[in-house]
Amino acid sequence: MALGTVLDPTARSTDDISAPGPDAGPLAGKTVGFRLDEIWRAWDWIVESWGEAFQQQGAAVKVWRSHQGRTGAAGERVAAELDAFLDSIDIAVVGLANCGSCTGWTVRDALAAADKGLPTTAVCTEVFQELAQNLAARGGRSGLRLHVLPYPLNEKEHDEVTAVARSHVEGLLHTMGCTTGELKEASG
């Protein structure tokens, strides 16, 4: 009888980074970069609300919108844009993981930010949390910070989404590793 070896496809990489990376610390004087996408209007509204809260804490806010063309020359252009964006910020908030492919690109772009040593948080909706965690682990960073929003969001009206954003800003700051002083009045 021949013996075989069965490999576990769920095994973690031996070089996995299980730590979340650096904390964001105080926001004052830092540039927080939000990575947007082309699909989720609710994510645009959330970023608008969170950006205002971060500016009230003394941060500058910068946004970059990802594009779906990620292959060939267009893909190389988008990768270069992302790289330049990441080089221009101090903290990365990447979203929105709200479908299968969006979760893949959100995690991939968050991993790129974390690989540059930036305090990085990926944002997902609760339905895609497990997929985001699995993709982060497969990407070698099982400790990637994830902030989870309710699902669905995109079907809601602007004022409903803004209310969700406001109710999550304090939790996001905690997830990002902001210092305790940063939490005061940020959710107002």
N, C-alpha and C. Protein backbone atom coordinates (compact mmCIF):
# COMPACT_ATOMS: atom_id res chain seq x y z
N MET A 1 0.85 -1.17 0.00
CA MET A 1 0.00 0.00 0.00
C MET A 1 0.90 1.24 0.00
N ALA A 2 0.60 2.17 -0.88
CA ALA A 2 1.36 3.42 -0.98
C ALA A 2 0.86 4.43 0.04
N LEU A 3 1.79 5.20 0.54
CA LEU A 3 1.44 6.26 1.49
C LEU A 3 1.42 7.59 0.76
N GLY A 4 0.53 8.45 1.15
CA GLY A 4 0.44 9.78 0.54
C GLY A 4 0.44 10.84 1.62
N THR A 5 0.57 12.05 1.21
CA THR A 5 0.54 13.18 2.12
C THR A 5 -0.68 14.02 1.81
N VAL A 6 -1.44 14.33 2.82
CA VAL A 6 -2.61 15.18 2.66
C VAL A 6 -2.24 16.56 3.21
N LEU A 7 -2.39 17.57 2.38
CA LEU A 7 -2.08 18.94 2.79
C LEU A 7 -3.34 19.63 3.27
N ASP A 8 -3.21 20.42 4.30
CA ASP A 8 -4.33 21.17 4.84
C ASP A 8 -4.39 22.53 4.15
N PRO A 9 -5.39 22.77 3.29
CA PRO A 9 -5.46 24.05 2.57
C PRO A 9 -5.81 25.23 3.49
N THR A 10 -6.19 24.94 4.72
CA THR A 10 -6.54 26.01 5.64
C THR A 10 -5.40 26.38 6.58
N ALA A 11 -4.27 25.70 6.45
CA ALA A 11 -3.15 25.97 7.35
C ALA A 11 -2.65 27.40 7.16
N ARG A 12 -2.23 28.00 8.25
CA ARG A 12 -1.69 29.35 8.20
C ARG A 12 -0.25 29.31 7.72
N SER A 13 0.13 30.38 7.07
CA SER A 13 1.49 30.54 6.60
C SER A 13 2.42 30.67 7.82
N THR A 14 3.61 30.12 7.71
CA THR A 14 4.55 30.22 8.82
C THR A 14 5.04 31.65 9.03
N ASP A 15 4.89 32.50 8.04
CA ASP A 15 5.33 33.89 8.18
C ASP A 15 4.14 34.85 8.34
N ASP A 16 3.01 34.31 8.82
CA ASP A 16 1.82 35.13 9.04
C ASP A 16 2.09 36.22 10.07
N ILE A 17 1.54 37.40 9.82
CA ILE A 17 1.64 38.51 10.77
C ILE A 17 0.30 38.60 11.49
N SER A 18 0.29 38.13 12.73
CA SER A 18 -0.96 38.08 13.48
C SER A 18 -1.20 39.36 14.29
N ALA A 19 -0.21 40.24 14.35
CA ALA A 19 -0.38 41.52 15.04
C ALA A 19 -1.09 42.50 14.10
N PRO A 20 -1.85 43.44 14.65
CA PRO A 20 -2.61 44.37 13.80
C PRO A 20 -1.77 45.45 13.13
N GLY A 21 -0.51 45.55 13.49
CA GLY A 21 0.31 46.64 12.95
C GLY A 21 0.27 47.82 13.88
N PRO A 22 0.88 48.92 13.47
CA PRO A 22 0.96 50.09 14.36
C PRO A 22 -0.41 50.70 14.62
N ASP A 23 -0.56 51.23 15.83
CA ASP A 23 -1.76 51.98 16.17
C ASP A 23 -1.75 53.33 15.47
N ALA A 24 -2.93 53.86 15.21
CA ALA A 24 -3.03 55.18 14.60
C ALA A 24 -2.58 56.28 15.56
N GLY A 25 -2.78 56.08 16.86
CA GLY A 25 -2.40 57.09 17.84
C GLY A 25 -3.26 58.33 17.72
N PRO A 26 -2.74 59.48 18.11
CA PRO A 26 -3.53 60.71 17.97
C PRO A 26 -3.70 61.09 16.50
N LEU A 27 -4.86 61.61 16.16
CA LEU A 27 -5.14 61.99 14.77
C LEU A 27 -4.59 63.37 14.42
N ALA A 28 -4.49 64.25 15.40
CA ALA A 28 -4.08 65.63 15.14
C ALA A 28 -2.75 65.67 14.40
N GLY A 29 -2.75 66.41 13.29
CA GLY A 29 -1.54 66.59 12.50
C GLY A 29 -1.24 65.47 11.52
N LYS A 30 -2.08 64.47 11.46
CA LYS A 30 -1.86 63.35 10.55
C LYS A 30 -2.83 63.42 9.36
N THR A 31 -2.44 62.76 8.28
CA THR A 31 -3.31 62.65 7.11
C THR A 31 -3.92 61.26 7.09
N VAL A 32 -5.24 61.21 7.18
CA VAL A 32 -5.97 59.95 7.11
C VAL A 32 -6.43 59.78 5.67
N GLY A 33 -6.05 58.67 5.07
CA GLY A 33 -6.45 58.38 3.70
C GLY A 33 -7.56 57.37 3.65
N PHE A 34 -8.62 57.72 2.95
CA PHE A 34 -9.75 56.81 2.74
C PHE A 34 -9.69 56.29 1.32
N ARG A 35 -9.68 55.00 1.18
CA ARG A 35 -9.72 54.37 -0.15
C ARG A 35 -11.19 54.06 -0.46
N LEU A 36 -11.68 54.69 -1.52
CA LEU A 36 -13.06 54.48 -1.97
C LEU A 36 -13.08 53.50 -3.14
N ASP A 37 -14.27 53.18 -3.60
CA ASP A 37 -14.41 52.33 -4.78
C ASP A 37 -15.41 52.98 -5.73
N GLU A 38 -15.74 52.30 -6.78
CA GLU A 38 -16.67 52.85 -7.78
C GLU A 38 -18.12 52.43 -7.56
N ILE A 39 -18.36 51.58 -6.59
CA ILE A 39 -19.65 50.92 -6.52
C ILE A 39 -20.57 51.41 -5.42
N TRP A 40 -20.08 51.57 -4.20
CA TRP A 40 -20.95 51.72 -3.05
C TRP A 40 -21.15 53.18 -2.65
N ARG A 41 -22.30 53.75 -3.02
CA ARG A 41 -22.58 55.14 -2.66
C ARG A 41 -22.63 55.30 -1.14
N ALA A 42 -23.09 54.27 -0.44
CA ALA A 42 -23.15 54.34 1.02
C ALA A 42 -21.75 54.52 1.61
N TRP A 43 -20.74 53.91 1.01
CA TRP A 43 -19.37 54.06 1.50
C TRP A 43 -18.91 55.51 1.31
N ASP A 44 -19.27 56.12 0.20
CA ASP A 44 -18.94 57.53 -0.01
C ASP A 44 -19.54 58.38 1.12
N TRP A 45 -20.79 58.11 1.48
CA TRP A 45 -21.47 58.88 2.52
C TRP A 45 -20.82 58.65 3.88
N ILE A 46 -20.44 57.41 4.15
CA ILE A 46 -19.79 57.09 5.43
C ILE A 46 -18.45 57.81 5.52
N VAL A 47 -17.67 57.76 4.44
CA VAL A 47 -16.38 58.43 4.43
C VAL A 47 -16.55 59.94 4.62
N GLU A 48 -17.57 60.50 4.01
CA GLU A 48 -17.85 61.93 4.19
C GLU A 48 -18.06 62.25 5.67
N SER A 49 -18.87 61.44 6.34
CA SER A 49 -19.17 61.66 7.75
C SER A 49 -17.93 61.43 8.62
N TRP A 50 -17.24 60.33 8.39
CA TRP A 50 -16.05 60.03 9.19
C TRP A 50 -14.95 61.07 8.93
N GLY A 51 -14.83 61.50 7.69
CA GLY A 51 -13.83 62.51 7.36
C GLY A 51 -14.05 63.79 8.15
N GLU A 52 -15.31 64.21 8.26
CA GLU A 52 -15.63 65.40 9.04
C GLU A 52 -15.25 65.20 10.51
N ALA A 53 -15.55 64.03 11.06
CA ALA A 53 -15.21 63.75 12.45
C ALA A 53 -13.69 63.76 12.65
N PHE A 54 -12.96 63.22 11.70
CA PHE A 54 -11.49 63.19 11.81
C PHE A 54 -10.91 64.59 11.70
N GLN A 55 -11.49 65.41 10.83
CA GLN A 55 -11.02 66.79 10.70
C GLN A 55 -11.26 67.56 12.00
N GLN A 56 -12.36 67.27 12.68
CA GLN A 56 -12.63 67.91 13.97
C GLN A 56 -11.58 67.52 15.00
N GLN A 57 -10.92 66.39 14.80
CA GLN A 57 -9.86 65.93 15.70
C GLN A 57 -8.48 66.42 15.25
N GLY A 58 -8.44 67.25 14.20
CA GLY A 58 -7.19 67.85 13.76
C GLY A 58 -6.48 67.10 12.65
N ALA A 59 -7.13 66.13 12.06
CA ALA A 59 -6.52 65.37 10.96
C ALA A 59 -6.84 66.01 9.62
N ALA A 60 -5.94 65.83 8.68
CA ALA A 60 -6.24 66.14 7.28
C ALA A 60 -6.83 64.86 6.69
N VAL A 61 -7.71 64.99 5.73
CA VAL A 61 -8.36 63.84 5.12
C VAL A 61 -8.10 63.86 3.62
N LYS A 62 -7.74 62.71 3.11
CA LYS A 62 -7.48 62.56 1.68
C LYS A 62 -8.22 61.32 1.21
N VAL A 63 -8.80 61.38 0.00
CA VAL A 63 -9.49 60.21 -0.53
C VAL A 63 -8.88 59.81 -1.87
N TRP A 64 -8.95 58.53 -2.15
CA TRP A 64 -8.53 58.00 -3.44
C TRP A 64 -9.57 56.96 -3.85
N ARG A 65 -9.99 57.03 -5.08
CA ARG A 65 -11.01 56.11 -5.59
C ARG A 65 -10.35 55.04 -6.46
N SER A 66 -10.54 53.81 -6.06
CA SER A 66 -10.04 52.67 -6.81
C SER A 66 -10.89 52.48 -8.06
N HIS A 67 -10.32 51.84 -9.04
CA HIS A 67 -11.02 51.56 -10.30
C HIS A 67 -11.06 50.05 -10.53
N GLN A 68 -12.04 49.62 -11.25
CA GLN A 68 -12.23 48.19 -11.48
C GLN A 68 -11.21 47.59 -12.45
N GLY A 69 -10.64 48.39 -13.34
CA GLY A 69 -9.67 47.87 -14.31
C GLY A 69 -8.35 47.57 -13.63
N ARG A 70 -8.14 46.35 -13.23
CA ARG A 70 -6.95 45.99 -12.47
C ARG A 70 -6.05 45.01 -13.23
N THR A 71 -6.17 44.96 -14.54
CA THR A 71 -5.31 44.09 -15.34
C THR A 71 -4.64 44.90 -16.44
N GLY A 72 -3.55 44.38 -16.95
CA GLY A 72 -2.86 45.02 -18.06
C GLY A 72 -2.36 46.41 -17.72
N ALA A 73 -2.31 47.27 -18.73
CA ALA A 73 -1.81 48.63 -18.55
C ALA A 73 -2.69 49.42 -17.56
N ALA A 74 -4.00 49.22 -17.63
CA ALA A 74 -4.90 49.91 -16.70
C ALA A 74 -4.62 49.47 -15.26
N GLY A 75 -4.36 48.20 -15.08
CA GLY A 75 -4.04 47.68 -13.75
C GLY A 75 -2.74 48.24 -13.21
N GLU A 76 -1.76 48.38 -14.08
CA GLU A 76 -0.48 48.96 -13.67
C GLU A 76 -0.66 50.43 -13.28
N ARG A 77 -1.51 51.15 -14.01
CA ARG A 77 -1.78 52.55 -13.69
C ARG A 77 -2.47 52.66 -12.33
N VAL A 78 -3.47 51.82 -12.08
CA VAL A 78 -4.19 51.85 -10.81
C VAL A 78 -3.24 51.48 -9.66
N ALA A 79 -2.40 50.48 -9.87
CA ALA A 79 -1.43 50.09 -8.83
C ALA A 79 -0.48 51.24 -8.51
N ALA A 80 -0.04 51.95 -9.53
CA ALA A 80 0.86 53.10 -9.30
C ALA A 80 0.13 54.23 -8.57
N GLU A 81 -1.15 54.45 -8.91
CA GLU A 81 -1.94 55.47 -8.22
C GLU A 81 -2.11 55.10 -6.74
N LEU A 82 -2.43 53.84 -6.48
CA LEU A 82 -2.58 53.38 -5.10
C LEU A 82 -1.28 53.57 -4.33
N ASP A 83 -0.17 53.19 -4.94
CA ASP A 83 1.13 53.32 -4.29
C ASP A 83 1.41 54.78 -3.95
N ALA A 84 1.16 55.68 -4.88
CA ALA A 84 1.39 57.11 -4.64
C ALA A 84 0.46 57.63 -3.53
N PHE A 85 -0.79 57.19 -3.54
CA PHE A 85 -1.75 57.58 -2.50
C PHE A 85 -1.24 57.13 -1.14
N LEU A 86 -0.82 55.86 -1.03
CA LEU A 86 -0.35 55.34 0.25
C LEU A 86 0.89 56.07 0.74
N ASP A 87 1.73 56.50 -0.19
CA ASP A 87 2.93 57.27 0.19
C ASP A 87 2.59 58.66 0.69
N SER A 88 1.37 59.14 0.44
CA SER A 88 1.00 60.51 0.79
C SER A 88 0.18 60.61 2.08
N ILE A 89 -0.06 59.47 2.76
CA ILE A 89 -0.90 59.47 3.96
C ILE A 89 -0.15 58.87 5.14
N ASP A 90 -0.73 59.08 6.33
CA ASP A 90 -0.17 58.53 7.56
C ASP A 90 -0.97 57.36 8.10
N ILE A 91 -2.25 57.31 7.77
CA ILE A 91 -3.18 56.29 8.26
C ILE A 91 -4.09 55.90 7.09
N ALA A 92 -4.34 54.59 6.94
CA ALA A 92 -5.20 54.11 5.85
C ALA A 92 -6.48 53.49 6.38
N VAL A 93 -7.61 53.92 5.78
CA VAL A 93 -8.91 53.30 6.04
C VAL A 93 -9.43 52.87 4.67
N VAL A 94 -9.56 51.56 4.48
CA VAL A 94 -9.82 50.99 3.16
C VAL A 94 -11.18 50.29 3.15
N GLY A 95 -12.02 50.62 2.16
CA GLY A 95 -13.30 49.96 2.06
C GLY A 95 -13.85 50.07 0.66
N LEU A 96 -14.91 49.47 0.41
CA LEU A 96 -15.79 48.79 1.33
C LEU A 96 -15.92 47.33 0.90
N ALA A 97 -15.67 46.44 1.83
CA ALA A 97 -15.85 45.01 1.59
C ALA A 97 -17.33 44.70 1.77
N ASN A 98 -18.05 44.71 0.66
CA ASN A 98 -19.51 44.58 0.70
C ASN A 98 -20.03 43.64 -0.38
N CYS A 99 -19.14 42.95 -1.06
CA CYS A 99 -19.48 41.88 -1.99
C CYS A 99 -18.22 41.04 -2.14
N GLY A 100 -18.27 39.98 -2.90
CA GLY A 100 -17.11 39.10 -3.02
C GLY A 100 -15.89 39.78 -3.61
N SER A 101 -16.03 40.34 -4.80
CA SER A 101 -14.86 40.96 -5.43
C SER A 101 -14.45 42.23 -4.70
N CYS A 102 -15.40 43.00 -4.19
CA CYS A 102 -15.07 44.21 -3.44
C CYS A 102 -14.31 43.86 -2.17
N THR A 103 -14.66 42.74 -1.55
CA THR A 103 -13.94 42.31 -0.36
C THR A 103 -12.51 41.94 -0.74
N GLY A 104 -12.35 41.24 -1.84
CA GLY A 104 -11.01 40.88 -2.30
C GLY A 104 -10.14 42.09 -2.55
N TRP A 105 -10.67 43.09 -3.25
CA TRP A 105 -9.88 44.29 -3.55
C TRP A 105 -9.67 45.15 -2.31
N THR A 106 -10.66 45.21 -1.43
CA THR A 106 -10.50 45.95 -0.19
C THR A 106 -9.35 45.37 0.63
N VAL A 107 -9.37 44.06 0.81
CA VAL A 107 -8.32 43.42 1.60
C VAL A 107 -6.97 43.55 0.90
N ARG A 108 -6.94 43.37 -0.39
CA ARG A 108 -5.67 43.49 -1.12
C ARG A 108 -5.08 44.89 -0.95
N ASP A 109 -5.89 45.92 -1.09
CA ASP A 109 -5.40 47.28 -0.95
C ASP A 109 -5.02 47.59 0.51
N ALA A 110 -5.77 47.03 1.47
CA ALA A 110 -5.42 47.20 2.88
C ALA A 110 -4.09 46.51 3.18
N LEU A 111 -3.86 45.35 2.61
CA LEU A 111 -2.58 44.66 2.81
C LEU A 111 -1.43 45.48 2.23
N ALA A 112 -1.67 46.12 1.10
CA ALA A 112 -0.63 46.98 0.51
C ALA A 112 -0.29 48.13 1.46
N ALA A 113 -1.31 48.71 2.09
CA ALA A 113 -1.07 49.79 3.04
C ALA A 113 -0.33 49.27 4.27
N ALA A 114 -0.76 48.14 4.79
CA ALA A 114 -0.11 47.56 5.97
C ALA A 114 1.33 47.19 5.66
N ASP A 115 1.59 46.70 4.46
CA ASP A 115 2.95 46.35 4.06
C ASP A 115 3.87 47.56 4.03
N LYS A 116 3.30 48.75 3.87
CA LYS A 116 4.09 49.99 3.90
C LYS A 116 4.30 50.48 5.33
N GLY A 117 3.75 49.76 6.29
CA GLY A 117 3.91 50.15 7.69
C GLY A 117 2.89 51.15 8.19
N LEU A 118 1.85 51.40 7.40
CA LEU A 118 0.81 52.36 7.81
C LEU A 118 -0.15 51.71 8.80
N PRO A 119 -0.63 52.46 9.79
CA PRO A 119 -1.75 51.98 10.58
C PRO A 119 -2.93 51.80 9.60
N THR A 120 -3.44 50.60 9.50
CA THR A 120 -4.42 50.28 8.45
C THR A 120 -5.64 49.58 9.03
N THR A 121 -6.80 50.03 8.57
CA THR A 121 -8.06 49.37 8.93
C THR A 121 -8.84 49.13 7.65
N ALA A 122 -9.27 47.89 7.45
CA ALA A 122 -10.17 47.56 6.36
C ALA A 122 -11.59 47.59 6.91
N VAL A 123 -12.52 48.10 6.13
CA VAL A 123 -13.91 48.21 6.57
C VAL A 123 -14.75 47.26 5.73
N CYS A 124 -15.57 46.45 6.43
CA CYS A 124 -16.42 45.49 5.74
C CYS A 124 -17.82 45.52 6.36
N THR A 125 -18.76 44.98 5.64
CA THR A 125 -20.09 44.79 6.23
C THR A 125 -20.10 43.40 6.87
N GLU A 126 -21.02 43.20 7.81
CA GLU A 126 -21.02 41.98 8.62
C GLU A 126 -21.14 40.71 7.79
N VAL A 127 -21.80 40.76 6.66
CA VAL A 127 -21.96 39.57 5.83
C VAL A 127 -20.62 39.13 5.23
N PHE A 128 -19.70 40.07 5.05
CA PHE A 128 -18.42 39.77 4.40
C PHE A 128 -17.24 39.77 5.38
N GLN A 129 -17.52 39.81 6.67
CA GLN A 129 -16.45 39.81 7.67
C GLN A 129 -15.61 38.54 7.61
N GLU A 130 -16.24 37.40 7.56
CA GLU A 130 -15.49 36.14 7.54
C GLU A 130 -14.62 36.04 6.29
N LEU A 131 -15.16 36.43 5.15
CA LEU A 131 -14.37 36.41 3.92
C LEU A 131 -13.18 37.36 4.04
N ALA A 132 -13.39 38.54 4.57
CA ALA A 132 -12.30 39.50 4.74
C ALA A 132 -11.23 38.94 5.66
N GLN A 133 -11.63 38.32 6.75
CA GLN A 133 -10.66 37.71 7.68
C GLN A 133 -9.87 36.60 6.99
N ASN A 134 -10.56 35.76 6.24
CA ASN A 134 -9.89 34.66 5.54
C ASN A 134 -8.92 35.19 4.48
N LEU A 135 -9.31 36.21 3.74
CA LEU A 135 -8.43 36.78 2.72
C LEU A 135 -7.21 37.45 3.35
N ALA A 136 -7.41 38.12 4.46
CA ALA A 136 -6.28 38.74 5.16
C ALA A 136 -5.30 37.67 5.63
N ALA A 137 -5.82 36.58 6.17
CA ALA A 137 -4.95 35.49 6.62
C ALA A 137 -4.21 34.86 5.44
N ARG A 138 -4.93 34.65 4.34
CA ARG A 138 -4.27 34.09 3.15
C ARG A 138 -3.22 35.04 2.59
N GLY A 139 -3.42 36.34 2.82
CA GLY A 139 -2.46 37.34 2.38
C GLY A 139 -1.30 37.52 3.35
N GLY A 140 -1.28 36.73 4.43
CA GLY A 140 -0.17 36.77 5.36
C GLY A 140 -0.32 37.74 6.51
N ARG A 141 -1.52 38.31 6.67
CA ARG A 141 -1.74 39.26 7.77
C ARG A 141 -3.07 38.96 8.45
N SER A 142 -3.09 37.87 9.19
CA SER A 142 -4.34 37.50 9.88
C SER A 142 -4.75 38.53 10.92
N GLY A 143 -3.82 39.39 11.34
CA GLY A 143 -4.13 40.40 12.34
C GLY A 143 -4.63 41.71 11.76
N LEU A 144 -4.85 41.76 10.45
CA LEU A 144 -5.33 43.01 9.83
C LEU A 144 -6.54 43.53 10.58
N ARG A 145 -6.52 44.82 10.89
CA ARG A 145 -7.65 45.44 11.59
C ARG A 145 -8.86 45.49 10.66
N LEU A 146 -10.01 45.03 11.17
CA LEU A 146 -11.27 45.09 10.44
C LEU A 146 -12.29 45.83 11.28
N HIS A 147 -12.96 46.78 10.66
CA HIS A 147 -14.09 47.42 11.32
C HIS A 147 -15.34 46.96 10.57
N VAL A 148 -16.32 46.48 11.32
CA VAL A 148 -17.49 45.86 10.72
C VAL A 148 -18.70 46.78 10.83
N LEU A 149 -19.34 47.00 9.69
CA LEU A 149 -20.57 47.79 9.60
C LEU A 149 -21.74 46.85 9.36
N PRO A 150 -22.96 47.32 9.64
CA PRO A 150 -24.14 46.47 9.39
C PRO A 150 -24.38 46.28 7.90
N TYR A 151 -25.15 45.27 7.59
CA TYR A 151 -25.54 44.96 6.22
C TYR A 151 -27.05 44.84 6.20
N PRO A 152 -27.73 45.36 5.18
CA PRO A 152 -27.25 46.10 4.01
C PRO A 152 -27.10 47.58 4.33
N LEU A 153 -26.31 48.25 3.52
CA LEU A 153 -26.13 49.69 3.65
C LEU A 153 -26.56 50.44 2.39
N ASN A 154 -26.20 49.92 1.24
CA ASN A 154 -26.38 50.66 0.00
C ASN A 154 -27.85 50.89 -0.36
N GLU A 155 -28.72 50.09 0.23
CA GLU A 155 -30.15 50.22 -0.04
C GLU A 155 -30.80 51.29 0.82
N LYS A 156 -30.04 51.84 1.78
CA LYS A 156 -30.57 52.84 2.70
C LYS A 156 -30.43 54.25 2.12
N GLU A 157 -31.24 55.16 2.63
CA GLU A 157 -31.18 56.56 2.23
C GLU A 157 -30.00 57.25 2.92
N HIS A 158 -29.62 58.40 2.39
CA HIS A 158 -28.45 59.14 2.88
C HIS A 158 -28.49 59.36 4.39
N ASP A 159 -29.62 59.83 4.91
CA ASP A 159 -29.69 60.13 6.35
C ASP A 159 -29.55 58.87 7.20
N GLU A 160 -30.05 57.73 6.72
CA GLU A 160 -29.91 56.47 7.46
C GLU A 160 -28.45 56.02 7.48
N VAL A 161 -27.77 56.16 6.36
CA VAL A 161 -26.36 55.77 6.27
C VAL A 161 -25.51 56.69 7.14
N THR A 162 -25.80 57.97 7.11
CA THR A 162 -25.06 58.91 7.94
C THR A 162 -25.23 58.59 9.42
N ALA A 163 -26.42 58.17 9.81
CA ALA A 163 -26.65 57.77 11.20
C ALA A 163 -25.80 56.55 11.56
N VAL A 164 -25.69 55.60 10.65
CA VAL A 164 -24.83 54.43 10.87
C VAL A 164 -23.38 54.89 11.02
N ALA A 165 -22.94 55.77 10.15
CA ALA A 165 -21.56 56.27 10.22
C ALA A 165 -21.29 56.92 11.56
N ARG A 166 -22.18 57.78 11.99
CA ARG A 166 -22.00 58.47 13.27
C ARG A 166 -21.97 57.49 14.44
N SER A 167 -22.82 56.48 14.37
CA SER A 167 -22.85 55.51 15.47
C SER A 167 -21.61 54.61 15.49
N HIS A 168 -20.85 54.60 14.41
CA HIS A 168 -19.67 53.74 14.32
C HIS A 168 -18.34 54.49 14.43
N VAL A 169 -18.34 55.81 14.47
CA VAL A 169 -17.07 56.53 14.45
C VAL A 169 -16.22 56.21 15.69
N GLU A 170 -16.82 56.14 16.85
CA GLU A 170 -16.05 55.84 18.06
C GLU A 170 -15.47 54.43 17.99
N GLY A 171 -16.27 53.47 17.52
CA GLY A 171 -15.77 52.11 17.37
C GLY A 171 -14.66 52.02 16.34
N LEU A 172 -14.78 52.79 15.26
CA LEU A 172 -13.73 52.82 14.25
C LEU A 172 -12.43 53.35 14.85
N LEU A 173 -12.51 54.44 15.59
CA LEU A 173 -11.32 55.01 16.21
C LEU A 173 -10.67 54.00 17.14
N HIS A 174 -11.47 53.25 17.87
CA HIS A 174 -10.94 52.20 18.74
C HIS A 174 -10.25 51.12 17.90
N THR A 175 -10.91 50.67 16.83
CA THR A 175 -10.33 49.65 15.94
C THR A 175 -9.00 50.14 15.37
N MET A 176 -8.93 51.41 15.01
CA MET A 176 -7.72 51.99 14.41
C MET A 176 -6.57 52.11 15.41
N GLY A 177 -6.88 52.02 16.69
CA GLY A 177 -5.84 52.19 17.70
C GLY A 177 -5.55 53.65 17.99
N CYS A 178 -6.59 54.46 17.92
CA CYS A 178 -6.43 55.88 18.29
C CYS A 178 -6.33 55.97 19.81
N THR A 179 -5.61 56.97 20.28
CA THR A 179 -5.48 57.14 21.72
C THR A 179 -6.81 57.57 22.31
N THR A 180 -6.98 57.30 23.59
CA THR A 180 -8.26 57.56 24.25
C THR A 180 -8.73 58.99 24.09
N GLY A 181 -7.83 59.93 24.13
CA GLY A 181 -8.21 61.33 23.98
C GLY A 181 -8.86 61.63 22.65
N GLU A 182 -8.58 60.81 21.63
CA GLU A 182 -9.16 61.03 20.31
C GLU A 182 -10.65 60.71 20.26
N LEU A 183 -11.14 59.93 21.23
CA LEU A 183 -12.52 59.50 21.18
C LEU A 183 -13.50 60.56 21.61
N LYS A 184 -13.08 61.55 22.35
CA LYS A 184 -14.02 62.53 22.88
C LYS A 184 -14.67 63.33 21.75
N GLU A 185 -15.97 63.40 21.80
CA GLU A 185 -16.80 64.18 20.89
C GLU A 185 -16.66 63.82 19.42
N ALA A 186 -15.97 62.72 19.09
CA ALA A 186 -15.83 62.34 17.69
C ALA A 186 -17.12 61.79 17.12
N SER A 187 -17.99 61.26 17.96
CA SER A 187 -19.21 60.67 17.44
C SER A 187 -20.34 61.67 17.34
N GLY A 188 -20.13 62.91 17.71
CA GLY A 188 -21.17 63.94 17.66
C GLY A 188 -21.32 64.46 16.33
